[in-house]
PDB file of N, CA and C in Angstrom:
ATOM      1  N   MET A   1     -40.900  18.062   7.440  1.00  0.00           N
ATOM      2  CA  MET A   1     -40.398  17.859   6.106  1.00  0.00           C
ATOM      3  C   MET A   1     -39.643  16.536   6.046  1.00  0.00           C
ATOM      4  N   ILE A   2     -39.872  15.769   5.027  1.00  0.00           N
ATOM      5  CA  ILE A   2     -39.228  14.473   4.862  1.00  0.00           C
ATOM      6  C   ILE A   2     -37.897  14.672   4.156  1.00  0.00           C
ATOM      7  N   ASP A   3     -36.861  14.091   4.745  1.00  0.00           N
ATOM      8  CA  ASP A   3     -35.526  14.167   4.164  1.00  0.00           C
ATOM      9  C   ASP A   3     -35.460  13.250   2.948  1.00  0.00           C
ATOM     10  N   PRO A   4     -35.076  13.765   1.764  1.00  0.00           N
ATOM     11  CA  PRO A   4     -35.052  12.928   0.564  1.00  0.00           C
ATOM     12  C   PRO A   4     -34.046  11.785   0.651  1.00  0.00           C
ATOM     13  N   ILE A   5     -32.954  11.984   1.372  1.00  0.00           N
ATOM     14  CA  ILE A   5     -31.959  10.916   1.507  1.00  0.00           C
ATOM     15  C   ILE A   5     -32.512   9.804   2.373  1.00  0.00           C
ATOM     16  N   THR A   6     -33.140  10.164   3.489  1.00  0.00           N
ATOM     17  CA  THR A   6     -33.715   9.157   4.381  1.00  0.00           C
ATOM     18  C   THR A   6     -34.801   8.367   3.670  1.00  0.00           C
ATOM     19  N   SER A   7     -35.643   9.033   2.909  1.00  0.00           N
ATOM     20  CA  SER A   7     -36.707   8.319   2.212  1.00  0.00           C
ATOM     21  C   SER A   7     -36.135   7.435   1.106  1.00  0.00           C
ATOM     22  N   SER A   8     -35.074   7.884   0.440  1.00  0.00           N
ATOM     23  CA  SER A   8     -34.440   7.062  -0.599  1.00  0.00           C
ATOM     24  C   SER A   8     -33.785   5.836   0.016  1.00  0.00           C
ATOM     25  N   VAL A   9     -33.116   6.022   1.158  1.00  0.00           N
ATOM     26  CA  VAL A   9     -32.478   4.890   1.838  1.00  0.00           C
ATOM     27  C   VAL A   9     -33.532   3.896   2.282  1.00  0.00           C
ATOM     28  N   ALA A  10     -34.625   4.378   2.831  1.00  0.00           N
ATOM     29  CA  ALA A  10     -35.701   3.486   3.279  1.00  0.00           C
ATOM     30  C   ALA A  10     -36.293   2.720   2.105  1.00  0.00           C
ATOM     31  N   ALA A  11     -36.343   3.347   0.941  1.00  0.00           N
ATOM     32  CA  ALA A  11     -36.923   2.698  -0.233  1.00  0.00           C
ATOM     33  C   ALA A  11     -36.031   1.578  -0.762  1.00  0.00           C
ATOM     34  N   ILE A  12     -34.707   1.745  -0.665  1.00  0.00           N
ATOM     35  CA  ILE A  12     -33.824   0.716  -1.231  1.00  0.00           C
ATOM     36  C   ILE A  12     -33.326  -0.284  -0.199  1.00  0.00           C
ATOM     37  N   ALA A  13     -33.410   0.058   1.067  1.00  0.00           N
ATOM     38  CA  ALA A  13     -32.843  -0.802   2.102  1.00  0.00           C
ATOM     39  C   ALA A  13     -33.943  -1.539   2.845  1.00  0.00           C
ATOM     40  N   SER A  14     -34.328  -2.689   2.330  1.00  0.00           N
ATOM     41  CA  SER A  14     -35.383  -3.447   2.995  1.00  0.00           C
ATOM     42  C   SER A  14     -34.878  -4.784   3.526  1.00  0.00           C
ATOM     43  N   THR A  15     -33.690  -5.191   3.138  1.00  0.00           N
ATOM     44  CA  THR A  15     -33.115  -6.448   3.630  1.00  0.00           C
ATOM     45  C   THR A  15     -31.805  -6.129   4.353  1.00  0.00           C
ATOM     46  N   PRO A  16     -31.341  -7.054   5.191  1.00  0.00           N
ATOM     47  CA  PRO A  16     -30.059  -6.822   5.874  1.00  0.00           C
ATOM     48  C   PRO A  16     -28.891  -6.575   4.904  1.00  0.00           C
ATOM     49  N   ALA A  17     -28.884  -7.268   3.786  1.00  0.00           N
ATOM     50  CA  ALA A  17     -27.813  -7.063   2.804  1.00  0.00           C
ATOM     51  C   ALA A  17     -27.872  -5.658   2.223  1.00  0.00           C
ATOM     52  N   GLN A  18     -29.081  -5.168   1.968  1.00  0.00           N
ATOM     53  CA  GLN A  18     -29.227  -3.818   1.437  1.00  0.00           C
ATOM     54  C   GLN A  18     -28.865  -2.769   2.484  1.00  0.00           C
ATOM     55  N   LEU A  19     -29.196  -3.043   3.746  1.00  0.00           N
ATOM     56  CA  LEU A  19     -28.806  -2.134   4.821  1.00  0.00           C
ATOM     57  C   LEU A  19     -27.289  -2.053   4.938  1.00  0.00           C
ATOM     58  N   ALA A  20     -26.628  -3.195   4.815  1.00  0.00           N
ATOM     59  CA  ALA A  20     -25.162  -3.222   4.868  1.00  0.00           C
ATOM     60  C   ALA A  20     -24.571  -2.455   3.691  1.00  0.00           C
ATOM     61  N   GLN A  21     -25.167  -2.610   2.522  1.00  0.00           N
ATOM     62  CA  GLN A  21     -24.693  -1.897   1.342  1.00  0.00           C
ATOM     63  C   GLN A  21     -24.884  -0.384   1.517  1.00  0.00           C
ATOM     64  N   THR A  22     -25.994   0.014   2.089  1.00  0.00           N
ATOM     65  CA  THR A  22     -26.255   1.427   2.338  1.00  0.00           C
ATOM     66  C   THR A  22     -25.247   1.985   3.343  1.00  0.00           C
ATOM     67  N   ALA A  23     -24.906   1.214   4.359  1.00  0.00           N
ATOM     68  CA  ALA A  23     -23.905   1.641   5.339  1.00  0.00           C
ATOM     69  C   ALA A  23     -22.538   1.810   4.671  1.00  0.00           C
ATOM     70  N   ARG A  24     -22.194   0.893   3.750  1.00  0.00           N
ATOM     71  CA  ARG A  24     -20.927   1.018   3.012  1.00  0.00           C
ATOM     72  C   ARG A  24     -20.925   2.264   2.137  1.00  0.00           C
ATOM     73  N   MET A  25     -22.064   2.552   1.508  1.00  0.00           N
ATOM     74  CA  MET A  25     -22.163   3.767   0.694  1.00  0.00           C
ATOM     75  C   MET A  25     -21.979   5.007   1.567  1.00  0.00           C
ATOM     76  N   ARG A  26     -22.552   4.998   2.751  1.00  0.00           N
ATOM     77  CA  ARG A  26     -22.426   6.136   3.677  1.00  0.00           C
ATOM     78  C   ARG A  26     -20.964   6.342   4.066  1.00  0.00           C
ATOM     79  N   ARG A  27     -20.268   5.233   4.401  1.00  0.00           N
ATOM     80  CA  ARG A  27     -18.855   5.343   4.763  1.00  0.00           C
ATOM     81  C   ARG A  27     -18.028   5.873   3.600  1.00  0.00           C
ATOM     82  N   THR A  28     -18.343   5.415   2.397  1.00  0.00           N
ATOM     83  CA  THR A  28     -17.628   5.884   1.207  1.00  0.00           C
ATOM     84  C   THR A  28     -17.856   7.377   0.998  1.00  0.00           C
ATOM     85  N   ALA A  29     -19.089   7.822   1.161  1.00  0.00           N
ATOM     86  CA  ALA A  29     -19.407   9.244   1.005  1.00  0.00           C
ATOM     87  C   ALA A  29     -18.700  10.076   2.074  1.00  0.00           C
ATOM     88  N   GLU A  30     -18.645   9.558   3.310  1.00  0.00           N
ATOM     89  CA  GLU A  30     -17.938  10.271   4.380  1.00  0.00           C
ATOM     90  C   GLU A  30     -16.443  10.317   4.104  1.00  0.00           C
ATOM     91  N   ASP A  31     -15.883   9.214   3.606  1.00  0.00           N
ATOM     92  CA  ASP A  31     -14.457   9.191   3.251  1.00  0.00           C
ATOM     93  C   ASP A  31     -14.150  10.194   2.144  1.00  0.00           C
ATOM     94  N   PHE A  32     -15.064  10.321   1.185  1.00  0.00           N
ATOM     95  CA  PHE A  32     -14.876  11.288   0.109  1.00  0.00           C
ATOM     96  C   PHE A  32     -14.878  12.711   0.666  1.00  0.00           C
ATOM     97  N   GLU A  33     -15.842  13.014   1.542  1.00  0.00           N
ATOM     98  CA  GLU A  33     -15.894  14.355   2.124  1.00  0.00           C
ATOM     99  C   GLU A  33     -14.653  14.626   2.967  1.00  0.00           C
ATOM    100  N   THR A  34     -14.180  13.628   3.707  1.00  0.00           N
ATOM    101  CA  THR A  34     -12.967  13.786   4.505  1.00  0.00           C
ATOM    102  C   THR A  34     -11.777  14.108   3.617  1.00  0.00           C
ATOM    103  N   SER A  35     -11.633  13.375   2.522  1.00  0.00           N
ATOM    104  CA  SER A  35     -10.533  13.617   1.589  1.00  0.00           C
ATOM    105  C   SER A  35     -10.635  15.013   0.980  1.00  0.00           C
ATOM    106  N   PHE A  36     -11.831  15.403   0.597  1.00  0.00           N
ATOM    107  CA  PHE A  36     -12.053  16.731   0.018  1.00  0.00           C
ATOM    108  C   PHE A  36     -11.679  17.823   1.015  1.00  0.00           C
ATOM    109  N   MET A  37     -12.157  17.697   2.246  1.00  0.00           N
ATOM    110  CA  MET A  37     -11.871  18.717   3.247  1.00  0.00           C
ATOM    111  C   MET A  37     -10.388  18.768   3.583  1.00  0.00           C
ATOM    112  N   SER A  38      -9.732  17.626   3.608  1.00  0.00           N
ATOM    113  CA  SER A  38      -8.300  17.585   3.862  1.00  0.00           C
ATOM    114  C   SER A  38      -7.540  18.350   2.787  1.00  0.00           C
ATOM    115  N   GLN A  39      -7.918  18.146   1.533  1.00  0.00           N
ATOM    116  CA  GLN A  39      -7.272  18.858   0.428  1.00  0.00           C
ATOM    117  C   GLN A  39      -7.551  20.360   0.506  1.00  0.00           C
ATOM    118  N   MET A  40      -8.729  20.729   0.965  1.00  0.00           N
ATOM    119  CA  MET A  40      -9.073  22.142   1.082  1.00  0.00           C
ATOM    120  C   MET A  40      -8.324  22.816   2.238  1.00  0.00           C
ATOM    121  N   MET A  41      -7.989  22.058   3.278  1.00  0.00           N
ATOM    122  CA  MET A  41      -7.301  22.619   4.439  1.00  0.00           C
ATOM    123  C   MET A  41      -5.786  22.747   4.239  1.00  0.00           C
ATOM    124  N   LYS A  42      -5.212  21.936   3.376  1.00  0.00           N
ATOM    125  CA  LYS A  42      -3.755  21.933   3.211  1.00  0.00           C
ATOM    126  C   LYS A  42      -3.167  23.315   2.930  1.00  0.00           C
ATOM    127  N   PRO A  43      -3.734  24.119   2.038  1.00  0.00           N
ATOM    128  CA  PRO A  43      -3.137  25.436   1.785  1.00  0.00           C
ATOM    129  C   PRO A  43      -3.116  26.353   3.011  1.00  0.00           C
ATOM    130  N   MET A  44      -3.995  26.116   3.973  1.00  0.00           N
ATOM    131  CA  MET A  44      -4.023  26.948   5.172  1.00  0.00           C
ATOM    132  C   MET A  44      -2.743  26.802   5.986  1.00  0.00           C
ATOM    133  N   PHE A  45      -2.075  25.670   5.869  1.00  0.00           N
ATOM    134  CA  PHE A  45      -0.911  25.380   6.698  1.00  0.00           C
ATOM    135  C   PHE A  45       0.418  25.479   5.947  1.00  0.00           C
ATOM    136  N   GLU A  46       0.380  25.742   4.652  1.00  0.00           N
ATOM    137  CA  GLU A  46       1.608  25.727   3.866  1.00  0.00           C
ATOM    138  C   GLU A  46       2.601  26.808   4.260  1.00  0.00           C
ATOM    139  N   GLY A  47       2.164  27.980   4.615  1.00  0.00           N
ATOM    140  CA  GLY A  47       3.078  29.068   4.912  1.00  0.00           C
ATOM    141  C   GLY A  47       3.457  29.198   6.375  1.00  0.00           C
ATOM    142  N   LEU A  48       3.018  28.293   7.216  1.00  0.00           N
ATOM    143  CA  LEU A  48       3.296  28.404   8.644  1.00  0.00           C
ATOM    144  C   LEU A  48       4.738  28.027   8.965  1.00  0.00           C
ATOM    145  N   SER A  49       5.344  28.806   9.816  1.00  0.00           N
ATOM    146  CA  SER A  49       6.705  28.526  10.253  1.00  0.00           C
ATOM    147  C   SER A  49       6.664  27.534  11.414  1.00  0.00           C
ATOM    148  N   THR A  50       7.584  26.599  11.407  1.00  0.00           N
ATOM    149  CA  THR A  50       7.654  25.619  12.498  1.00  0.00           C
ATOM    150  C   THR A  50       8.817  25.940  13.424  1.00  0.00           C
ATOM    151  N   ASP A  51       9.426  27.119  13.252  1.00  0.00           N
ATOM    152  CA  ASP A  51      10.523  27.553  14.110  1.00  0.00           C
ATOM    153  C   ASP A  51       9.967  28.278  15.322  1.00  0.00           C
ATOM    154  N   GLY A  52      10.842  28.652  16.205  1.00  0.00           N
ATOM    155  CA  GLY A  52      10.427  29.429  17.366  1.00  0.00           C
ATOM    156  C   GLY A  52      10.382  28.591  18.622  1.00  0.00           C
ATOM    157  N   MET A  53      10.043  29.247  19.705  1.00  0.00           N
ATOM    158  CA  MET A  53      10.074  28.591  21.013  1.00  0.00           C
ATOM    159  C   MET A  53       9.116  27.400  21.099  1.00  0.00           C
ATOM    160  N   PHE A  54       7.920  27.529  20.525  1.00  0.00           N
ATOM    161  CA  PHE A  54       6.938  26.456  20.632  1.00  0.00           C
ATOM    162  C   PHE A  54       6.724  25.724  19.317  1.00  0.00           C
ATOM    163  N   GLY A  55       7.591  25.959  18.356  1.00  0.00           N
ATOM    164  CA  GLY A  55       7.490  25.287  17.068  1.00  0.00           C
ATOM    165  C   GLY A  55       7.990  23.854  17.158  1.00  0.00           C
ATOM    166  N   GLY A  56       7.513  23.033  16.280  1.00  0.00           N
ATOM    167  CA  GLY A  56       7.898  21.628  16.294  1.00  0.00           C
ATOM    168  C   GLY A  56       9.023  21.293  15.338  1.00  0.00           C
ATOM    169  N   GLY A  57       9.501  22.286  14.610  1.00  0.00           N
ATOM    170  CA  GLY A  57      10.614  22.060  13.691  1.00  0.00           C
ATOM    171  C   GLY A  57      10.254  21.095  12.572  1.00  0.00           C
ATOM    172  N   GLU A  58      11.215  20.285  12.191  1.00  0.00           N
ATOM    173  CA  GLU A  58      11.030  19.327  11.096  1.00  0.00           C
ATOM    174  C   GLU A  58       9.970  18.280  11.420  1.00  0.00           C
ATOM    175  N   ALA A  59       9.879  17.885  12.676  1.00  0.00           N
ATOM    176  CA  ALA A  59       8.884  16.873  13.059  1.00  0.00           C
ATOM    177  C   ALA A  59       7.473  17.382  12.813  1.00  0.00           C
ATOM    178  N   GLU A  60       7.252  18.652  13.126  1.00  0.00           N
ATOM    179  CA  GLU A  60       5.922  19.223  12.899  1.00  0.00           C
ATOM    180  C   GLU A  60       5.589  19.230  11.415  1.00  0.00           C
ATOM    181  N   ALA A  61       6.544  19.611  10.611  1.00  0.00           N
ATOM    182  CA  ALA A  61       6.326  19.621   9.164  1.00  0.00           C
ATOM    183  C   ALA A  61       6.073  18.211   8.639  1.00  0.00           C
ATOM    184  N   THR A  62       6.777  17.239   9.214  1.00  0.00           N
ATOM    185  CA  THR A  62       6.620  15.844   8.785  1.00  0.00           C
ATOM    186  C   THR A  62       5.227  15.309   9.105  1.00  0.00           C
ATOM    187  N   TRP A  63       4.699  15.624  10.270  1.00  0.00           N
ATOM    188  CA  TRP A  63       3.440  15.059  10.734  1.00  0.00           C
ATOM    189  C   TRP A  63       2.230  15.941  10.439  1.00  0.00           C
ATOM    190  N   ARG A  64       2.444  17.081   9.809  1.00  0.00           N
ATOM    191  CA  ARG A  64       1.354  18.025   9.557  1.00  0.00           C
ATOM    192  C   ARG A  64       0.217  17.402   8.743  1.00  0.00           C
ATOM    193  N   SER A  65       0.546  16.591   7.743  1.00  0.00           N
ATOM    194  CA  SER A  65      -0.505  15.994   6.914  1.00  0.00           C
ATOM    195  C   SER A  65      -1.429  15.087   7.742  1.00  0.00           C
ATOM    196  N   PHE A  66      -0.858  14.414   8.745  1.00  0.00           N
ATOM    197  CA  PHE A  66      -1.685  13.571   9.609  1.00  0.00           C
ATOM    198  C   PHE A  66      -2.627  14.429  10.453  1.00  0.00           C
ATOM    199  N   LEU A  67      -2.129  15.582  10.908  1.00  0.00           N
ATOM    200  CA  LEU A  67      -2.954  16.502  11.676  1.00  0.00           C
ATOM    201  C   LEU A  67      -4.108  17.025  10.821  1.00  0.00           C
ATOM    202  N   ILE A  68      -3.798  17.392   9.597  1.00  0.00           N
ATOM    203  CA  ILE A  68      -4.833  17.904   8.688  1.00  0.00           C
ATOM    204  C   ILE A  68      -5.890  16.833   8.419  1.00  0.00           C
ATOM    205  N   ASP A  69      -5.458  15.601   8.178  1.00  0.00           N
ATOM    206  CA  ASP A  69      -6.406  14.509   7.950  1.00  0.00           C
ATOM    207  C   ASP A  69      -7.287  14.272   9.173  1.00  0.00           C
ATOM    208  N   ALA A  70      -6.703  14.337  10.362  1.00  0.00           N
ATOM    209  CA  ALA A  70      -7.477  14.137  11.593  1.00  0.00           C
ATOM    210  C   ALA A  70      -8.490  15.264  11.790  1.00  0.00           C
ATOM    211  N   MET A  71      -8.086  16.492  11.484  1.00  0.00           N
ATOM    212  CA  MET A  71      -9.032  17.605  11.609  1.00  0.00           C
ATOM    213  C   MET A  71     -10.177  17.468  10.610  1.00  0.00           C
ATOM    214  N   ALA A  72      -9.873  17.038   9.404  1.00  0.00           N
ATOM    215  CA  ALA A  72     -10.922  16.845   8.396  1.00  0.00           C
ATOM    216  C   ALA A  72     -11.881  15.743   8.836  1.00  0.00           C
ATOM    217  N   LYS A  73     -11.333  14.659   9.387  1.00  0.00           N
ATOM    218  CA  LYS A  73     -12.176  13.551   9.852  1.00  0.00           C
ATOM    219  C   LYS A  73     -13.104  14.009  10.973  1.00  0.00           C
ATOM    220  N   GLN A  74     -12.600  14.807  11.900  1.00  0.00           N
ATOM    221  CA  GLN A  74     -13.421  15.309  12.994  1.00  0.00           C
ATOM    222  C   GLN A  74     -14.493  16.277  12.485  1.00  0.00           C
ATOM    223  N   ALA A  75     -14.128  17.080  11.497  1.00  0.00           N
ATOM    224  CA  ALA A  75     -15.104  18.021  10.929  1.00  0.00           C
ATOM    225  C   ALA A  75     -16.253  17.263  10.271  1.00  0.00           C
ATOM    226  N   VAL A  76     -15.935  16.205   9.547  1.00  0.00           N
ATOM    227  CA  VAL A  76     -16.983  15.391   8.909  1.00  0.00           C
ATOM    228  C   VAL A  76     -17.830  14.702   9.972  1.00  0.00           C
ATOM    229  N   LYS A  77     -17.184  14.200  11.008  1.00  0.00           N
ATOM    230  CA  LYS A  77     -17.905  13.537  12.097  1.00  0.00           C
ATOM    231  C   LYS A  77     -18.883  14.496  12.782  1.00  0.00           C
ATOM    232  N   ALA A  78     -18.529  15.780  12.819  1.00  0.00           N
ATOM    233  CA  ALA A  78     -19.373  16.796  13.456  1.00  0.00           C
ATOM    234  C   ALA A  78     -20.434  17.357  12.509  1.00  0.00           C
ATOM    235  N   GLY A  79     -20.483  16.853  11.292  1.00  0.00           N
ATOM    236  CA  GLY A  79     -21.502  17.310  10.355  1.00  0.00           C
ATOM    237  C   GLY A  79     -20.947  17.788   9.036  1.00  0.00           C
ATOM    238  N   GLY A  80     -19.679  18.133   9.029  1.00  0.00           N
ATOM    239  CA  GLY A  80     -19.019  18.519   7.785  1.00  0.00           C
ATOM    240  C   GLY A  80     -19.655  19.706   7.098  1.00  0.00           C
ATOM    241  N   ILE A  81     -19.547  19.727   5.788  1.00  0.00           N
ATOM    242  CA  ILE A  81     -20.088  20.826   4.987  1.00  0.00           C
ATOM    243  C   ILE A  81     -21.287  20.369   4.159  1.00  0.00           C
ATOM    244  N   GLY A  82     -21.770  19.173   4.415  1.00  0.00           N
ATOM    245  CA  GLY A  82     -22.944  18.675   3.716  1.00  0.00           C
ATOM    246  C   GLY A  82     -22.640  17.882   2.464  1.00  0.00           C
ATOM    247  N   LEU A  83     -21.385  17.674   2.194  1.00  0.00           N
ATOM    248  CA  LEU A  83     -21.005  16.948   0.988  1.00  0.00           C
ATOM    249  C   LEU A  83     -21.366  15.467   1.082  1.00  0.00           C
ATOM    250  N   THR A  84     -21.298  14.901   2.274  1.00  0.00           N
ATOM    251  CA  THR A  84     -21.617  13.483   2.448  1.00  0.00           C
ATOM    252  C   THR A  84     -23.033  13.185   1.986  1.00  0.00           C
ATOM    253  N   ASP A  85     -23.988  14.004   2.402  1.00  0.00           N
ATOM    254  CA  ASP A  85     -25.385  13.768   2.036  1.00  0.00           C
ATOM    255  C   ASP A  85     -25.600  13.912   0.533  1.00  0.00           C
ATOM    256  N   THR A  86     -24.922  14.880  -0.070  1.00  0.00           N
ATOM    257  CA  THR A  86     -25.055  15.080  -1.513  1.00  0.00           C
ATOM    258  C   THR A  86     -24.483  13.900  -2.279  1.00  0.00           C
ATOM    259  N   VAL A  87     -23.296  13.443  -1.873  1.00  0.00           N
ATOM    260  CA  VAL A  87     -22.670  12.289  -2.542  1.00  0.00           C
ATOM    261  C   VAL A  87     -23.519  11.044  -2.324  1.00  0.00           C
ATOM    262  N   MET A  88     -24.022  10.867  -1.128  1.00  0.00           N
ATOM    263  CA  MET A  88     -24.868   9.713  -0.817  1.00  0.00           C
ATOM    264  C   MET A  88     -26.126   9.716  -1.687  1.00  0.00           C
ATOM    265  N   ALA A  89     -26.752  10.877  -1.848  1.00  0.00           N
ATOM    266  CA  ALA A  89     -27.955  10.976  -2.683  1.00  0.00           C
ATOM    267  C   ALA A  89     -27.645  10.609  -4.129  1.00  0.00           C
ATOM    268  N   GLU A  90     -26.500  11.063  -4.629  1.00  0.00           N
ATOM    269  CA  GLU A  90     -26.112  10.729  -6.006  1.00  0.00           C
ATOM    270  C   GLU A  90     -25.808   9.237  -6.154  1.00  0.00           C
ATOM    271  N   MET A  91     -25.184   8.644  -5.148  1.00  0.00           N
ATOM    272  CA  MET A  91     -24.904   7.207  -5.197  1.00  0.00           C
ATOM    273  C   MET A  91     -26.201   6.405  -5.221  1.00  0.00           C
ATOM    274  N   ILE A  92     -27.182   6.846  -4.441  1.00  0.00           N
ATOM    275  CA  ILE A  92     -28.473   6.166  -4.416  1.00  0.00           C
ATOM    276  C   ILE A  92     -29.163   6.291  -5.765  1.00  0.00           C
ATOM    277  N   LYS A  93     -29.116   7.487  -6.357  1.00  0.00           N
ATOM    278  CA  LYS A  93     -29.706   7.673  -7.689  1.00  0.00           C
ATOM    279  C   LYS A  93     -29.054   6.752  -8.710  1.00  0.00           C
ATOM    280  N   MET A  94     -27.727   6.662  -8.667  1.00  0.00           N
ATOM    281  CA  MET A  94     -27.021   5.794  -9.608  1.00  0.00           C
ATOM    282  C   MET A  94     -27.412   4.331  -9.411  1.00  0.00           C
ATOM    283  N   GLN A  95     -27.562   3.942  -8.148  1.00  0.00           N
ATOM    284  CA  GLN A  95     -27.949   2.565  -7.852  1.00  0.00           C
ATOM    285  C   GLN A  95     -29.362   2.285  -8.373  1.00  0.00           C
ATOM    286  N   GLU A  96     -30.258   3.237  -8.182  1.00  0.00           N
ATOM    287  CA  GLU A  96     -31.644   3.055  -8.647  1.00  0.00           C
ATOM    288  C   GLU A  96     -31.716   2.980 -10.160  1.00  0.00           C
ATOM    289  N   GLN A  97     -30.891   3.750 -10.857  1.00  0.00           N
ATOM    290  CA  GLN A  97     -30.879   3.735 -12.322  1.00  0.00           C
ATOM    291  C   GLN A  97     -30.330   2.411 -12.858  1.00  0.00           C
ATOM    292  N   GLY A  98     -29.483   1.755 -12.065  1.00  0.00           N
ATOM    293  CA  GLY A  98     -28.890   0.500 -12.508  1.00  0.00           C
ATOM    294  C   GLY A  98     -29.800  -0.699 -12.367  1.00  0.00           C
ATOM    295  N   ARG A  99     -30.945  -0.505 -11.728  1.00  0.00           N
ATOM    296  CA  ARG A  99     -31.873  -1.633 -11.518  1.00  0.00           C
ATOM    297  C   ARG A  99     -32.601  -1.988 -12.773  1.00  0.00           C
TER     298      ARG A  99
END
């Protein structure tokens, strides 16, 4: 089965400049999915206590957002939830309509 995103990318990316533009679109789509996943993960950590023997106290609460962002980035790097491909396909459609 032919992947519609791969075939769309191949259709629009025939020069080095177009390949670079496609790579930028991919990074943008991945950044969007990372941001989305980070926002979705935040409520999971809101009620956690940072007290106790192995708790990080105020420092843990301060740095928690960085941890959530790093986990979201790793999840996207591992394949994510498929949002990157969907956003990328829509970006390609928009680009094709603008021609």
